[in-house]
């Protein structure tokens, strides 16, 4: 005899529930692809700005932008990992359909629970995966988890420090010379150019700083 609790549970066909989850997982994968494209498109503008900063011997701006590139590339790597994990959830759920045909419900999956818990710590997917976890708990696919994911998501953004070696590698790859060589090479080039007035130099420096801050803000926005 069914208990009152079981009678109140919504009856959802396992295959129907699975198709709905897979559809939403595919949509999330497309969103991840869009985020990656947005970041990579903005990175091209930053790379151009790094070259321009190096040419005018503004190594402070060049290094600052190089650090932004390093952070963005880490974000892209994490997004690729997130997409792979989303696909893994879909695959594991698909494998459980055969069992569901026999027993009438989706079976618990420790692997799915592990991946969902991990993705709940990803800032870009935290809210979506919290919704998934609630539905999967109701469908008895996973067990209820200790919900510490919100704090983890807030703390997980770029905790690594960019090393000087990493920054130099980025500058070398973009500008074609090491960070140590760039100032000297640019100085020689600038000696060939007409002298610039102090007023013009200050005005140009203010414009450069404003452009740098705007570019940082755009890059931070597409990473979030």
N, C-alpha and C. Protein backbone atom coordinates (compact mmCIF):
# COMPACT_ATOMS: atom_id res chain seq x y z
N UNK A 1 0.85 -1.20 0.00
CA UNK A 1 0.00 0.00 0.00
C UNK A 1 0.88 1.25 0.00
N UNK A 2 0.51 2.25 -0.85
CA UNK A 2 1.32 3.45 -0.96
C UNK A 2 1.12 4.35 0.25
N UNK A 3 2.17 4.94 0.69
CA UNK A 3 2.06 5.92 1.77
C UNK A 3 1.53 7.22 1.21
N UNK A 4 1.08 8.11 2.13
CA UNK A 4 0.57 9.41 1.69
C UNK A 4 1.65 10.19 0.95
N UNK A 5 2.91 10.11 1.46
CA UNK A 5 4.03 10.82 0.84
C UNK A 5 4.24 10.40 -0.59
N UNK A 6 4.19 9.06 -0.82
CA UNK A 6 4.39 8.56 -2.18
C UNK A 6 3.24 8.96 -3.09
N UNK A 7 2.00 8.98 -2.55
CA UNK A 7 0.85 9.35 -3.37
C UNK A 7 0.91 10.81 -3.79
N UNK A 8 1.54 11.65 -2.96
CA UNK A 8 1.62 13.08 -3.28
C UNK A 8 2.74 13.39 -4.26
N UNK A 9 3.67 12.44 -4.46
CA UNK A 9 4.77 12.68 -5.38
C UNK A 9 4.25 12.75 -6.81
N UNK A 10 4.68 13.76 -7.59
CA UNK A 10 4.23 13.82 -8.98
C UNK A 10 4.79 12.65 -9.77
N UNK A 11 3.90 12.01 -10.55
CA UNK A 11 4.31 10.88 -11.36
C UNK A 11 4.78 11.38 -12.73
N UNK A 12 6.04 11.24 -13.01
CA UNK A 12 6.60 11.66 -14.30
C UNK A 12 7.24 10.46 -14.95
N UNK A 13 6.91 10.23 -16.22
CA UNK A 13 7.52 9.11 -16.93
C UNK A 13 9.03 9.32 -17.01
N UNK A 14 9.81 8.30 -16.66
CA UNK A 14 11.27 8.44 -16.67
C UNK A 14 11.82 8.93 -18.01
N UNK A 15 11.33 8.35 -19.11
CA UNK A 15 11.85 8.75 -20.42
C UNK A 15 11.50 10.19 -20.76
N UNK A 16 10.29 10.61 -20.38
CA UNK A 16 9.88 11.99 -20.63
C UNK A 16 10.73 12.95 -19.81
N UNK A 17 10.95 12.59 -18.55
CA UNK A 17 11.78 13.42 -17.68
C UNK A 17 13.20 13.51 -18.21
N UNK A 18 13.71 12.37 -18.67
CA UNK A 18 15.07 12.32 -19.20
C UNK A 18 15.21 13.20 -20.44
N UNK A 19 14.25 13.13 -21.37
CA UNK A 19 14.32 13.94 -22.59
C UNK A 19 14.31 15.43 -22.26
N UNK A 20 13.51 15.80 -21.25
CA UNK A 20 13.45 17.21 -20.85
C UNK A 20 14.80 17.66 -20.27
N UNK A 21 15.40 16.83 -19.43
CA UNK A 21 16.71 17.18 -18.87
C UNK A 21 17.76 17.29 -19.97
N UNK A 22 17.76 16.33 -20.89
CA UNK A 22 18.75 16.35 -21.96
C UNK A 22 18.59 17.58 -22.85
N UNK A 23 17.33 17.96 -23.09
CA UNK A 23 17.08 19.17 -23.89
C UNK A 23 17.67 20.40 -23.20
N UNK A 24 17.46 20.52 -21.90
CA UNK A 24 17.98 21.66 -21.16
C UNK A 24 19.50 21.61 -21.04
N UNK A 25 20.06 20.41 -20.93
CA UNK A 25 21.52 20.28 -20.88
C UNK A 25 22.14 20.74 -22.21
N UNK A 26 21.49 20.37 -23.33
CA UNK A 26 21.99 20.82 -24.64
C UNK A 26 21.93 22.34 -24.75
N UNK A 27 20.86 22.92 -24.21
CA UNK A 27 20.73 24.38 -24.22
C UNK A 27 21.84 25.03 -23.40
N UNK A 28 22.16 24.43 -22.25
CA UNK A 28 23.25 24.97 -21.43
C UNK A 28 24.59 24.86 -22.16
N UNK A 29 24.79 23.77 -22.89
CA UNK A 29 26.02 23.61 -23.67
C UNK A 29 26.14 24.70 -24.72
N UNK A 30 25.02 25.05 -25.36
CA UNK A 30 25.02 26.13 -26.35
C UNK A 30 25.34 27.47 -25.69
N UNK A 31 24.83 27.67 -24.47
CA UNK A 31 25.14 28.90 -23.74
C UNK A 31 26.63 28.98 -23.40
N UNK A 32 27.21 27.84 -23.03
CA UNK A 32 28.65 27.80 -22.73
C UNK A 32 29.44 28.13 -24.00
N UNK A 33 29.04 27.56 -25.13
CA UNK A 33 29.72 27.87 -26.40
C UNK A 33 29.66 29.36 -26.71
N UNK A 34 28.50 29.97 -26.45
CA UNK A 34 28.34 31.40 -26.71
C UNK A 34 29.27 32.22 -25.81
N UNK A 35 29.37 31.83 -24.53
CA UNK A 35 30.27 32.54 -23.61
C UNK A 35 31.72 32.44 -24.08
N UNK A 36 32.10 31.26 -24.55
CA UNK A 36 33.48 31.07 -25.03
C UNK A 36 33.74 31.96 -26.24
N UNK A 37 32.78 32.00 -27.18
CA UNK A 37 32.95 32.84 -28.38
C UNK A 37 33.06 34.32 -28.00
N UNK A 38 32.23 34.76 -27.05
CA UNK A 38 32.26 36.16 -26.62
C UNK A 38 33.61 36.53 -26.01
N UNK A 39 34.12 35.64 -25.16
CA UNK A 39 35.42 35.90 -24.52
C UNK A 39 36.53 35.94 -25.56
N UNK A 40 36.55 34.95 -26.46
CA UNK A 40 37.61 34.88 -27.47
C UNK A 40 37.55 36.07 -28.42
N UNK A 41 36.34 36.54 -28.73
CA UNK A 41 36.21 37.73 -29.60
C UNK A 41 36.78 38.96 -28.91
N UNK A 42 36.49 39.11 -27.60
CA UNK A 42 37.01 40.25 -26.86
C UNK A 42 38.52 40.14 -26.68
N UNK A 43 39.03 38.92 -26.57
CA UNK A 43 40.47 38.72 -26.41
C UNK A 43 41.24 39.26 -27.61
N UNK A 44 40.68 39.18 -28.80
CA UNK A 44 41.36 39.70 -29.99
C UNK A 44 41.57 41.20 -29.87
N UNK A 45 40.58 41.91 -29.32
CA UNK A 45 40.73 43.35 -29.11
C UNK A 45 41.81 43.63 -28.07
N UNK A 46 41.88 42.79 -27.03
CA UNK A 46 42.89 42.98 -25.98
C UNK A 46 44.29 42.71 -26.54
N UNK A 47 44.43 41.68 -27.36
CA UNK A 47 45.72 41.38 -27.97
C UNK A 47 46.21 42.56 -28.82
N UNK A 48 45.29 43.16 -29.56
CA UNK A 48 45.64 44.35 -30.36
C UNK A 48 46.10 45.49 -29.45
N UNK A 49 45.40 45.66 -28.32
CA UNK A 49 45.76 46.72 -27.38
C UNK A 49 47.13 46.47 -26.74
N UNK A 50 47.46 45.18 -26.49
CA UNK A 50 48.77 44.84 -25.94
C UNK A 50 49.88 45.26 -26.92
N UNK A 51 49.69 44.95 -28.19
CA UNK A 51 50.68 45.33 -29.21
C UNK A 51 50.86 46.84 -29.27
N UNK A 52 49.73 47.56 -29.23
CA UNK A 52 49.81 49.02 -29.29
C UNK A 52 50.50 49.60 -28.07
N UNK A 53 50.21 49.03 -26.89
CA UNK A 53 50.86 49.50 -25.66
C UNK A 53 52.36 49.24 -25.71
N UNK A 54 52.76 48.08 -26.25
CA UNK A 54 54.17 47.75 -26.35
C UNK A 54 54.89 48.70 -27.31
N UNK A 55 54.23 49.06 -28.41
CA UNK A 55 54.84 49.95 -29.40
C UNK A 55 55.13 51.33 -28.81
N UNK A 56 54.26 51.77 -27.90
CA UNK A 56 54.49 53.10 -27.31
C UNK A 56 55.26 53.00 -25.99
N UNK A 57 55.81 51.81 -25.74
CA UNK A 57 56.66 51.59 -24.56
C UNK A 57 55.88 51.71 -23.24
N UNK A 58 54.58 51.45 -23.28
CA UNK A 58 53.75 51.47 -22.08
C UNK A 58 53.63 50.04 -21.55
N UNK A 59 54.70 49.60 -20.90
CA UNK A 59 54.75 48.21 -20.46
C UNK A 59 53.82 47.94 -19.28
N UNK A 60 53.50 48.97 -18.52
CA UNK A 60 52.57 48.79 -17.40
C UNK A 60 51.19 48.36 -17.92
N UNK A 61 50.71 49.07 -18.95
CA UNK A 61 49.42 48.72 -19.55
C UNK A 61 49.49 47.37 -20.24
N UNK A 62 50.61 47.13 -20.95
CA UNK A 62 50.77 45.86 -21.67
C UNK A 62 50.71 44.68 -20.71
N UNK A 63 51.39 44.79 -19.58
CA UNK A 63 51.41 43.69 -18.60
C UNK A 63 50.04 43.53 -17.94
N UNK A 64 49.39 44.66 -17.67
CA UNK A 64 48.06 44.59 -17.06
C UNK A 64 47.08 43.88 -17.98
N UNK A 65 47.13 44.20 -19.27
CA UNK A 65 46.25 43.54 -20.24
C UNK A 65 46.63 42.08 -20.42
N UNK A 66 47.92 41.78 -20.35
CA UNK A 66 48.36 40.38 -20.46
C UNK A 66 47.79 39.55 -19.32
N UNK A 67 47.74 40.13 -18.11
CA UNK A 67 47.14 39.43 -16.97
C UNK A 67 45.65 39.15 -17.21
N UNK A 68 44.96 40.14 -17.81
CA UNK A 68 43.54 39.94 -18.14
C UNK A 68 43.37 38.79 -19.13
N UNK A 69 44.29 38.69 -20.08
CA UNK A 69 44.23 37.59 -21.05
C UNK A 69 44.43 36.24 -20.37
N UNK A 70 45.37 36.19 -19.42
CA UNK A 70 45.62 34.94 -18.70
C UNK A 70 44.37 34.51 -17.94
N UNK A 71 43.71 35.47 -17.27
CA UNK A 71 42.48 35.15 -16.53
C UNK A 71 41.38 34.68 -17.47
N UNK A 72 41.28 35.33 -18.63
CA UNK A 72 40.24 34.95 -19.59
C UNK A 72 40.49 33.56 -20.15
N UNK A 73 41.74 33.22 -20.40
CA UNK A 73 42.05 31.89 -20.93
C UNK A 73 41.76 30.82 -19.89
N UNK A 74 41.99 31.14 -18.63
CA UNK A 74 41.62 30.19 -17.57
C UNK A 74 40.10 29.99 -17.54
N UNK A 75 39.37 31.09 -17.71
CA UNK A 75 37.91 31.00 -17.73
C UNK A 75 37.44 30.13 -18.88
N UNK A 76 38.05 30.32 -20.07
CA UNK A 76 37.69 29.52 -21.24
C UNK A 76 37.96 28.04 -20.99
N UNK A 77 39.11 27.74 -20.37
CA UNK A 77 39.43 26.34 -20.05
C UNK A 77 38.39 25.73 -19.11
N UNK A 78 37.96 26.51 -18.11
CA UNK A 78 36.95 26.02 -17.18
C UNK A 78 35.61 25.81 -17.89
N UNK A 79 35.29 26.71 -18.83
CA UNK A 79 34.03 26.57 -19.56
C UNK A 79 34.04 25.31 -20.43
N UNK A 80 35.18 25.00 -21.05
CA UNK A 80 35.28 23.76 -21.82
C UNK A 80 35.09 22.55 -20.90
N UNK A 81 35.66 22.61 -19.69
CA UNK A 81 35.48 21.52 -18.72
C UNK A 81 34.01 21.41 -18.30
N UNK A 82 33.36 22.56 -18.09
CA UNK A 82 31.94 22.56 -17.71
C UNK A 82 31.09 21.92 -18.80
N UNK A 83 31.39 22.25 -20.06
CA UNK A 83 30.62 21.68 -21.17
C UNK A 83 30.79 20.16 -21.22
N UNK A 84 32.03 19.70 -21.01
CA UNK A 84 32.28 18.25 -21.01
C UNK A 84 31.50 17.57 -19.89
N UNK A 85 31.39 18.23 -18.73
CA UNK A 85 30.66 17.65 -17.61
C UNK A 85 29.15 17.64 -17.86
N UNK A 86 28.64 18.67 -18.53
CA UNK A 86 27.23 18.68 -18.90
C UNK A 86 26.90 17.53 -19.84
N UNK A 87 27.79 17.31 -20.81
CA UNK A 87 27.59 16.18 -21.74
C UNK A 87 27.68 14.84 -21.00
N UNK A 88 28.54 14.79 -19.98
CA UNK A 88 28.70 13.56 -19.21
C UNK A 88 27.43 13.24 -18.43
N UNK A 89 26.79 14.28 -17.86
CA UNK A 89 25.52 14.07 -17.15
C UNK A 89 24.48 13.49 -18.10
N UNK A 90 24.38 14.08 -19.29
CA UNK A 90 23.41 13.61 -20.28
C UNK A 90 23.67 12.15 -20.66
N UNK A 91 24.95 11.81 -20.82
CA UNK A 91 25.31 10.43 -21.19
C UNK A 91 24.92 9.45 -20.07
N UNK A 92 25.25 9.81 -18.82
CA UNK A 92 24.93 8.93 -17.69
C UNK A 92 23.42 8.75 -17.53
N UNK A 93 22.68 9.83 -17.74
CA UNK A 93 21.22 9.73 -17.64
C UNK A 93 20.67 8.85 -18.75
N UNK A 94 21.26 8.97 -19.95
CA UNK A 94 20.82 8.14 -21.07
C UNK A 94 21.04 6.66 -20.80
N UNK A 95 22.14 6.34 -20.13
CA UNK A 95 22.44 4.94 -19.83
C UNK A 95 21.45 4.35 -18.82
N UNK A 96 20.81 5.21 -18.04
CA UNK A 96 19.90 4.70 -17.01
C UNK A 96 18.50 4.41 -17.54
N UNK A 97 18.23 4.76 -18.83
CA UNK A 97 16.90 4.55 -19.38
C UNK A 97 16.55 3.06 -19.44
N UNK A 98 17.52 2.24 -19.84
CA UNK A 98 17.27 0.80 -19.95
C UNK A 98 16.82 0.23 -18.61
N UNK A 99 17.48 0.68 -17.53
CA UNK A 99 17.10 0.22 -16.19
C UNK A 99 15.72 0.75 -15.84
N UNK A 100 15.45 2.00 -16.23
CA UNK A 100 14.16 2.60 -15.90
C UNK A 100 13.00 1.85 -16.55
N UNK A 101 13.23 1.30 -17.75
CA UNK A 101 12.18 0.53 -18.42
C UNK A 101 11.78 -0.69 -17.59
N UNK A 102 12.76 -1.23 -16.86
CA UNK A 102 12.50 -2.44 -16.06
C UNK A 102 11.89 -2.10 -14.70
N UNK A 103 12.51 -1.14 -14.01
CA UNK A 103 12.10 -0.85 -12.64
C UNK A 103 11.06 0.27 -12.56
N UNK A 104 10.87 1.02 -13.67
CA UNK A 104 9.83 2.04 -13.70
C UNK A 104 10.26 3.41 -13.20
N UNK A 105 11.51 3.55 -12.83
CA UNK A 105 11.98 4.87 -12.39
C UNK A 105 13.48 4.98 -12.66
N UNK A 106 13.97 6.22 -12.71
CA UNK A 106 15.40 6.45 -12.91
C UNK A 106 16.15 6.08 -11.63
N UNK A 107 17.23 5.34 -11.78
CA UNK A 107 18.00 4.88 -10.62
C UNK A 107 18.95 5.96 -10.14
N UNK A 108 19.33 5.86 -8.88
CA UNK A 108 20.31 6.80 -8.32
C UNK A 108 21.65 6.63 -9.01
N UNK A 109 22.34 7.74 -9.20
CA UNK A 109 23.65 7.71 -9.85
C UNK A 109 24.62 8.55 -9.04
N UNK A 110 25.60 7.87 -8.45
CA UNK A 110 26.62 8.59 -7.66
C UNK A 110 27.45 9.49 -8.56
N UNK A 111 27.67 9.06 -9.82
CA UNK A 111 28.49 9.84 -10.75
C UNK A 111 27.78 11.13 -11.13
N UNK A 112 26.47 11.03 -11.43
CA UNK A 112 25.70 12.23 -11.76
C UNK A 112 25.69 13.19 -10.58
N UNK A 113 25.51 12.65 -9.38
CA UNK A 113 25.50 13.49 -8.18
C UNK A 113 26.83 14.23 -8.02
N UNK A 114 27.92 13.53 -8.27
CA UNK A 114 29.24 14.13 -8.15
C UNK A 114 29.42 15.27 -9.14
N UNK A 115 28.99 15.06 -10.41
CA UNK A 115 29.17 16.07 -11.44
C UNK A 115 28.28 17.28 -11.18
N UNK A 116 27.02 17.01 -10.81
CA UNK A 116 26.09 18.11 -10.51
C UNK A 116 26.63 18.96 -9.36
N UNK A 117 27.12 18.32 -8.32
CA UNK A 117 27.67 19.04 -7.18
C UNK A 117 28.86 19.90 -7.60
N UNK A 118 29.69 19.35 -8.50
CA UNK A 118 30.86 20.09 -8.98
C UNK A 118 30.44 21.31 -9.80
N UNK A 119 29.44 21.13 -10.68
CA UNK A 119 28.98 22.23 -11.53
C UNK A 119 28.24 23.31 -10.74
N UNK A 120 27.71 22.95 -9.59
CA UNK A 120 27.07 23.94 -8.73
C UNK A 120 28.07 24.95 -8.19
N UNK A 121 29.35 24.62 -8.27
CA UNK A 121 30.40 25.53 -7.81
C UNK A 121 30.92 26.43 -8.93
N UNK A 122 30.43 26.20 -10.17
CA UNK A 122 30.84 27.03 -11.31
C UNK A 122 29.95 28.27 -11.37
N UNK A 123 30.52 29.47 -11.28
CA UNK A 123 29.70 30.69 -11.25
C UNK A 123 28.70 30.77 -12.40
N UNK A 124 29.12 30.35 -13.61
CA UNK A 124 28.25 30.48 -14.78
C UNK A 124 27.08 29.51 -14.76
N UNK A 125 27.17 28.44 -13.96
CA UNK A 125 26.14 27.40 -13.99
C UNK A 125 25.49 27.15 -12.63
N UNK A 126 25.89 27.89 -11.62
CA UNK A 126 25.45 27.61 -10.25
C UNK A 126 23.92 27.58 -10.12
N UNK A 127 23.25 28.61 -10.62
CA UNK A 127 21.79 28.71 -10.46
C UNK A 127 21.09 27.57 -11.21
N UNK A 128 21.50 27.35 -12.46
CA UNK A 128 20.89 26.29 -13.27
C UNK A 128 21.05 24.92 -12.62
N UNK A 129 22.26 24.62 -12.12
CA UNK A 129 22.51 23.31 -11.55
C UNK A 129 21.81 23.13 -10.21
N UNK A 130 21.56 24.21 -9.48
CA UNK A 130 20.77 24.11 -8.25
C UNK A 130 19.35 23.67 -8.58
N UNK A 131 18.80 24.20 -9.70
CA UNK A 131 17.46 23.80 -10.13
C UNK A 131 17.46 22.32 -10.55
N UNK A 132 18.50 21.92 -11.30
CA UNK A 132 18.62 20.53 -11.72
C UNK A 132 18.68 19.60 -10.51
N UNK A 133 19.48 19.99 -9.52
CA UNK A 133 19.66 19.12 -8.36
C UNK A 133 18.34 18.90 -7.62
N UNK A 134 17.52 19.96 -7.50
CA UNK A 134 16.23 19.82 -6.83
C UNK A 134 15.33 18.83 -7.57
N UNK A 135 15.31 18.95 -8.91
CA UNK A 135 14.47 18.06 -9.71
C UNK A 135 14.98 16.62 -9.64
N UNK A 136 16.29 16.45 -9.66
CA UNK A 136 16.86 15.10 -9.63
C UNK A 136 16.68 14.45 -8.25
N UNK A 137 16.69 15.27 -7.21
CA UNK A 137 16.42 14.74 -5.87
C UNK A 137 14.97 14.25 -5.79
N UNK A 138 14.05 15.04 -6.36
CA UNK A 138 12.63 14.64 -6.37
C UNK A 138 12.42 13.37 -7.18
N UNK A 139 13.19 13.24 -8.28
CA UNK A 139 13.07 12.04 -9.14
C UNK A 139 13.89 10.88 -8.59
N UNK A 140 14.57 11.10 -7.45
CA UNK A 140 15.37 10.07 -6.78
C UNK A 140 16.53 9.58 -7.64
N UNK A 141 17.08 10.50 -8.44
CA UNK A 141 18.28 10.19 -9.23
C UNK A 141 19.53 10.46 -8.40
N UNK A 142 19.45 11.48 -7.56
CA UNK A 142 20.56 11.79 -6.66
C UNK A 142 19.99 12.01 -5.26
N UNK A 143 20.88 11.96 -4.27
CA UNK A 143 20.48 12.22 -2.89
C UNK A 143 20.71 13.70 -2.58
N UNK A 144 20.05 14.15 -1.53
CA UNK A 144 20.20 15.56 -1.16
C UNK A 144 21.63 15.84 -0.72
N UNK A 145 22.15 16.98 -1.21
CA UNK A 145 23.54 17.33 -0.94
C UNK A 145 23.60 18.47 0.06
N UNK A 146 24.75 18.57 0.73
CA UNK A 146 24.99 19.72 1.60
C UNK A 146 25.22 20.91 0.69
N UNK A 147 24.39 21.93 0.82
CA UNK A 147 24.41 23.04 -0.14
C UNK A 147 25.41 24.12 0.27
N UNK A 148 26.70 23.84 0.03
CA UNK A 148 27.73 24.85 0.28
C UNK A 148 28.21 25.44 -1.03
N UNK A 149 27.47 25.19 -2.11
CA UNK A 149 27.96 25.55 -3.44
C UNK A 149 27.95 27.05 -3.69
N UNK A 150 27.02 27.78 -3.05
CA UNK A 150 26.93 29.22 -3.32
C UNK A 150 28.20 29.92 -2.87
N UNK A 151 28.63 29.63 -1.64
CA UNK A 151 29.86 30.25 -1.14
C UNK A 151 31.04 29.84 -1.99
N UNK A 152 31.09 28.56 -2.38
CA UNK A 152 32.20 28.08 -3.20
C UNK A 152 32.23 28.78 -4.54
N UNK A 153 31.04 29.00 -5.12
CA UNK A 153 30.97 29.65 -6.42
C UNK A 153 31.49 31.07 -6.34
N UNK A 154 31.17 31.76 -5.24
CA UNK A 154 31.63 33.13 -5.10
C UNK A 154 33.13 33.21 -4.89
N UNK A 155 33.71 32.18 -4.29
CA UNK A 155 35.13 32.21 -3.97
C UNK A 155 36.03 31.61 -5.04
N UNK A 156 35.44 30.99 -6.08
CA UNK A 156 36.24 30.22 -7.03
C UNK A 156 36.77 31.02 -8.20
N UNK A 157 36.43 32.30 -8.29
CA UNK A 157 36.79 33.09 -9.46
C UNK A 157 38.24 33.54 -9.41
N UNK A 158 39.07 32.91 -10.24
CA UNK A 158 40.44 33.34 -10.45
C UNK A 158 41.24 33.53 -9.16
N UNK A 159 41.40 32.46 -8.40
CA UNK A 159 42.17 32.58 -7.17
C UNK A 159 43.67 32.47 -7.44
N UNK A 160 44.04 32.00 -8.65
CA UNK A 160 45.45 31.86 -8.97
C UNK A 160 46.09 33.23 -9.23
N UNK A 161 47.34 33.34 -8.87
CA UNK A 161 48.09 34.55 -9.17
C UNK A 161 48.81 34.38 -10.50
N UNK A 162 48.82 35.45 -11.29
CA UNK A 162 49.55 35.38 -12.55
C UNK A 162 51.03 35.59 -12.26
N UNK A 163 51.86 34.66 -12.67
CA UNK A 163 53.30 34.79 -12.43
C UNK A 163 53.92 35.68 -13.50
N UNK A 164 55.08 36.24 -13.17
CA UNK A 164 55.80 37.06 -14.14
C UNK A 164 56.14 36.25 -15.38
N UNK A 165 56.45 34.97 -15.17
CA UNK A 165 56.81 34.12 -16.30
C UNK A 165 55.62 33.97 -17.25
N UNK A 166 54.42 33.77 -16.68
CA UNK A 166 53.22 33.66 -17.51
C UNK A 166 52.98 34.93 -18.30
N UNK A 167 53.12 36.08 -17.63
CA UNK A 167 52.88 37.36 -18.28
C UNK A 167 53.90 37.58 -19.40
N UNK A 168 55.16 37.27 -19.14
CA UNK A 168 56.20 37.42 -20.16
C UNK A 168 55.95 36.54 -21.37
N UNK A 169 55.45 35.32 -21.12
CA UNK A 169 55.15 34.42 -22.23
C UNK A 169 54.05 34.98 -23.12
N UNK A 170 53.03 35.56 -22.48
CA UNK A 170 51.92 36.14 -23.25
C UNK A 170 52.43 37.34 -24.05
N UNK A 171 53.22 38.20 -23.42
CA UNK A 171 53.76 39.36 -24.12
C UNK A 171 54.65 38.93 -25.28
N UNK A 172 55.46 37.90 -25.06
CA UNK A 172 56.34 37.40 -26.12
C UNK A 172 55.52 36.87 -27.29
N UNK A 173 54.48 36.12 -26.98
CA UNK A 173 53.65 35.53 -28.03
C UNK A 173 52.92 36.60 -28.84
N UNK A 174 52.50 37.67 -28.18
CA UNK A 174 51.72 38.69 -28.87
C UNK A 174 52.61 39.73 -29.55
N UNK A 175 53.61 40.22 -28.82
CA UNK A 175 54.43 41.31 -29.34
C UNK A 175 55.68 40.83 -30.06
N UNK A 176 56.01 39.55 -29.92
CA UNK A 176 57.14 39.00 -30.66
C UNK A 176 58.48 39.18 -30.00
N UNK A 177 58.54 39.84 -28.84
CA UNK A 177 59.79 40.03 -28.11
C UNK A 177 59.51 39.80 -26.63
N UNK A 178 60.53 39.51 -25.87
CA UNK A 178 60.33 39.31 -24.43
C UNK A 178 60.03 40.65 -23.77
N UNK A 179 59.42 40.57 -22.59
CA UNK A 179 59.06 41.80 -21.87
C UNK A 179 60.29 42.62 -21.53
N UNK A 180 61.40 41.96 -21.29
CA UNK A 180 62.64 42.67 -20.95
C UNK A 180 63.19 43.43 -22.15
N UNK A 181 62.99 42.91 -23.35
CA UNK A 181 63.54 43.53 -24.55
C UNK A 181 62.65 44.63 -25.09
N UNK A 182 61.37 44.55 -24.83
CA UNK A 182 60.43 45.48 -25.45
C UNK A 182 60.73 46.96 -25.17
N UNK A 183 60.98 47.39 -23.95
CA UNK A 183 61.22 48.81 -23.71
C UNK A 183 62.40 49.36 -24.51
N UNK A 184 63.51 48.61 -24.55
CA UNK A 184 64.70 49.06 -25.25
C UNK A 184 64.44 49.16 -26.75
N UNK A 185 63.79 48.16 -27.31
CA UNK A 185 63.51 48.15 -28.74
C UNK A 185 62.59 49.31 -29.11
N UNK A 186 61.60 49.55 -28.27
CA UNK A 186 60.64 50.61 -28.56
C UNK A 186 61.29 51.97 -28.42
N UNK A 187 62.21 52.11 -27.45
CA UNK A 187 62.89 53.39 -27.25
C UNK A 187 63.64 53.79 -28.50
N UNK A 188 64.33 52.82 -29.11
CA UNK A 188 65.09 53.10 -30.33
C UNK A 188 64.17 53.55 -31.45
N UNK A 189 62.99 52.91 -31.50
CA UNK A 189 62.03 53.25 -32.55
C UNK A 189 61.48 54.65 -32.34
N UNK A 190 61.26 55.02 -31.09
CA UNK A 190 60.65 56.32 -30.79
C UNK A 190 61.63 57.46 -30.99
N UNK A 191 62.94 57.20 -30.97
CA UNK A 191 63.92 58.23 -31.22
C UNK A 191 63.81 58.76 -32.65
N UNK A 192 63.30 57.90 -33.53
CA UNK A 192 63.16 58.29 -34.94
C UNK A 192 61.94 59.18 -35.17
N UNK A 193 61.04 59.22 -34.17
CA UNK A 193 59.79 59.95 -34.33
C UNK A 193 59.94 61.38 -33.83
N UNK A 194 59.10 62.32 -34.32
CA UNK A 194 59.15 63.72 -33.85
C UNK A 194 58.85 63.80 -32.36
N UNK A 195 59.45 64.79 -31.70
CA UNK A 195 59.23 64.96 -30.26
C UNK A 195 57.77 65.30 -30.00
N UNK A 196 57.28 64.85 -28.87
CA UNK A 196 55.88 65.06 -28.50
C UNK A 196 55.82 66.02 -27.33
N UNK A 197 54.91 66.98 -27.40
CA UNK A 197 54.81 67.97 -26.33
C UNK A 197 54.32 67.30 -25.05
N UNK A 198 54.62 67.93 -23.91
CA UNK A 198 54.20 67.40 -22.62
C UNK A 198 52.68 67.33 -22.55
N UNK A 199 52.00 68.39 -23.06
CA UNK A 199 50.55 68.41 -23.02
C UNK A 199 49.96 67.26 -23.83
N UNK A 200 50.50 67.04 -25.02
CA UNK A 200 50.01 65.96 -25.87
C UNK A 200 50.23 64.60 -25.21
N UNK A 201 51.41 64.45 -24.59
CA UNK A 201 51.74 63.18 -23.94
C UNK A 201 50.79 62.90 -22.79
N UNK A 202 50.49 63.95 -21.98
CA UNK A 202 49.59 63.75 -20.85
C UNK A 202 48.18 63.42 -21.33
N UNK A 203 47.74 64.12 -22.40
CA UNK A 203 46.40 63.86 -22.92
C UNK A 203 46.30 62.45 -23.48
N UNK A 204 47.36 62.02 -24.18
CA UNK A 204 47.37 60.66 -24.74
C UNK A 204 47.37 59.62 -23.63
N UNK A 205 48.14 59.91 -22.55
CA UNK A 205 48.20 58.97 -21.43
C UNK A 205 46.85 58.81 -20.75
N UNK A 206 46.11 59.92 -20.62
CA UNK A 206 44.78 59.86 -20.00
C UNK A 206 43.83 59.05 -20.87
N UNK A 207 43.91 59.26 -22.19
CA UNK A 207 43.06 58.51 -23.11
C UNK A 207 43.38 57.02 -23.05
N UNK A 208 44.68 56.70 -22.99
CA UNK A 208 45.10 55.30 -22.92
C UNK A 208 44.57 54.62 -21.67
N UNK A 209 44.65 55.32 -20.54
CA UNK A 209 44.19 54.75 -19.28
C UNK A 209 42.69 54.50 -19.31
N UNK A 210 41.94 55.45 -19.90
CA UNK A 210 40.49 55.30 -20.01
C UNK A 210 40.14 54.11 -20.90
N UNK A 211 40.88 53.98 -22.00
CA UNK A 211 40.64 52.86 -22.92
C UNK A 211 40.98 51.53 -22.26
N UNK A 212 42.05 51.52 -21.46
CA UNK A 212 42.47 50.32 -20.75
C UNK A 212 41.40 49.87 -19.77
N UNK A 213 40.85 50.81 -18.99
CA UNK A 213 39.81 50.48 -18.02
C UNK A 213 38.55 49.97 -18.72
N UNK A 214 38.21 50.58 -19.84
CA UNK A 214 37.03 50.15 -20.59
C UNK A 214 37.20 48.73 -21.11
N UNK A 215 38.41 48.42 -21.59
CA UNK A 215 38.69 47.09 -22.12
C UNK A 215 38.66 46.05 -21.00
N UNK A 216 39.23 46.39 -19.84
CA UNK A 216 39.18 45.48 -18.69
C UNK A 216 37.73 45.18 -18.30
N UNK A 217 36.90 46.23 -18.29
CA UNK A 217 35.50 46.06 -17.90
C UNK A 217 34.77 45.14 -18.88
N UNK A 218 35.03 45.31 -20.18
CA UNK A 218 34.36 44.47 -21.18
C UNK A 218 34.79 43.02 -21.03
N UNK A 219 36.08 42.81 -20.80
CA UNK A 219 36.60 41.45 -20.67
C UNK A 219 36.04 40.79 -19.40
N UNK A 220 35.97 41.56 -18.31
CA UNK A 220 35.41 41.02 -17.06
C UNK A 220 33.94 40.67 -17.23
N UNK A 221 33.23 41.47 -18.02
CA UNK A 221 31.79 41.24 -18.22
C UNK A 221 31.54 39.94 -18.97
N UNK A 222 32.31 39.68 -20.04
CA UNK A 222 32.07 38.46 -20.80
C UNK A 222 32.54 37.23 -20.04
N UNK A 223 33.47 37.41 -19.07
CA UNK A 223 33.91 36.26 -18.26
C UNK A 223 32.88 35.88 -17.21
N UNK A 224 32.06 36.86 -16.78
CA UNK A 224 31.14 36.60 -15.67
C UNK A 224 29.91 35.83 -16.14
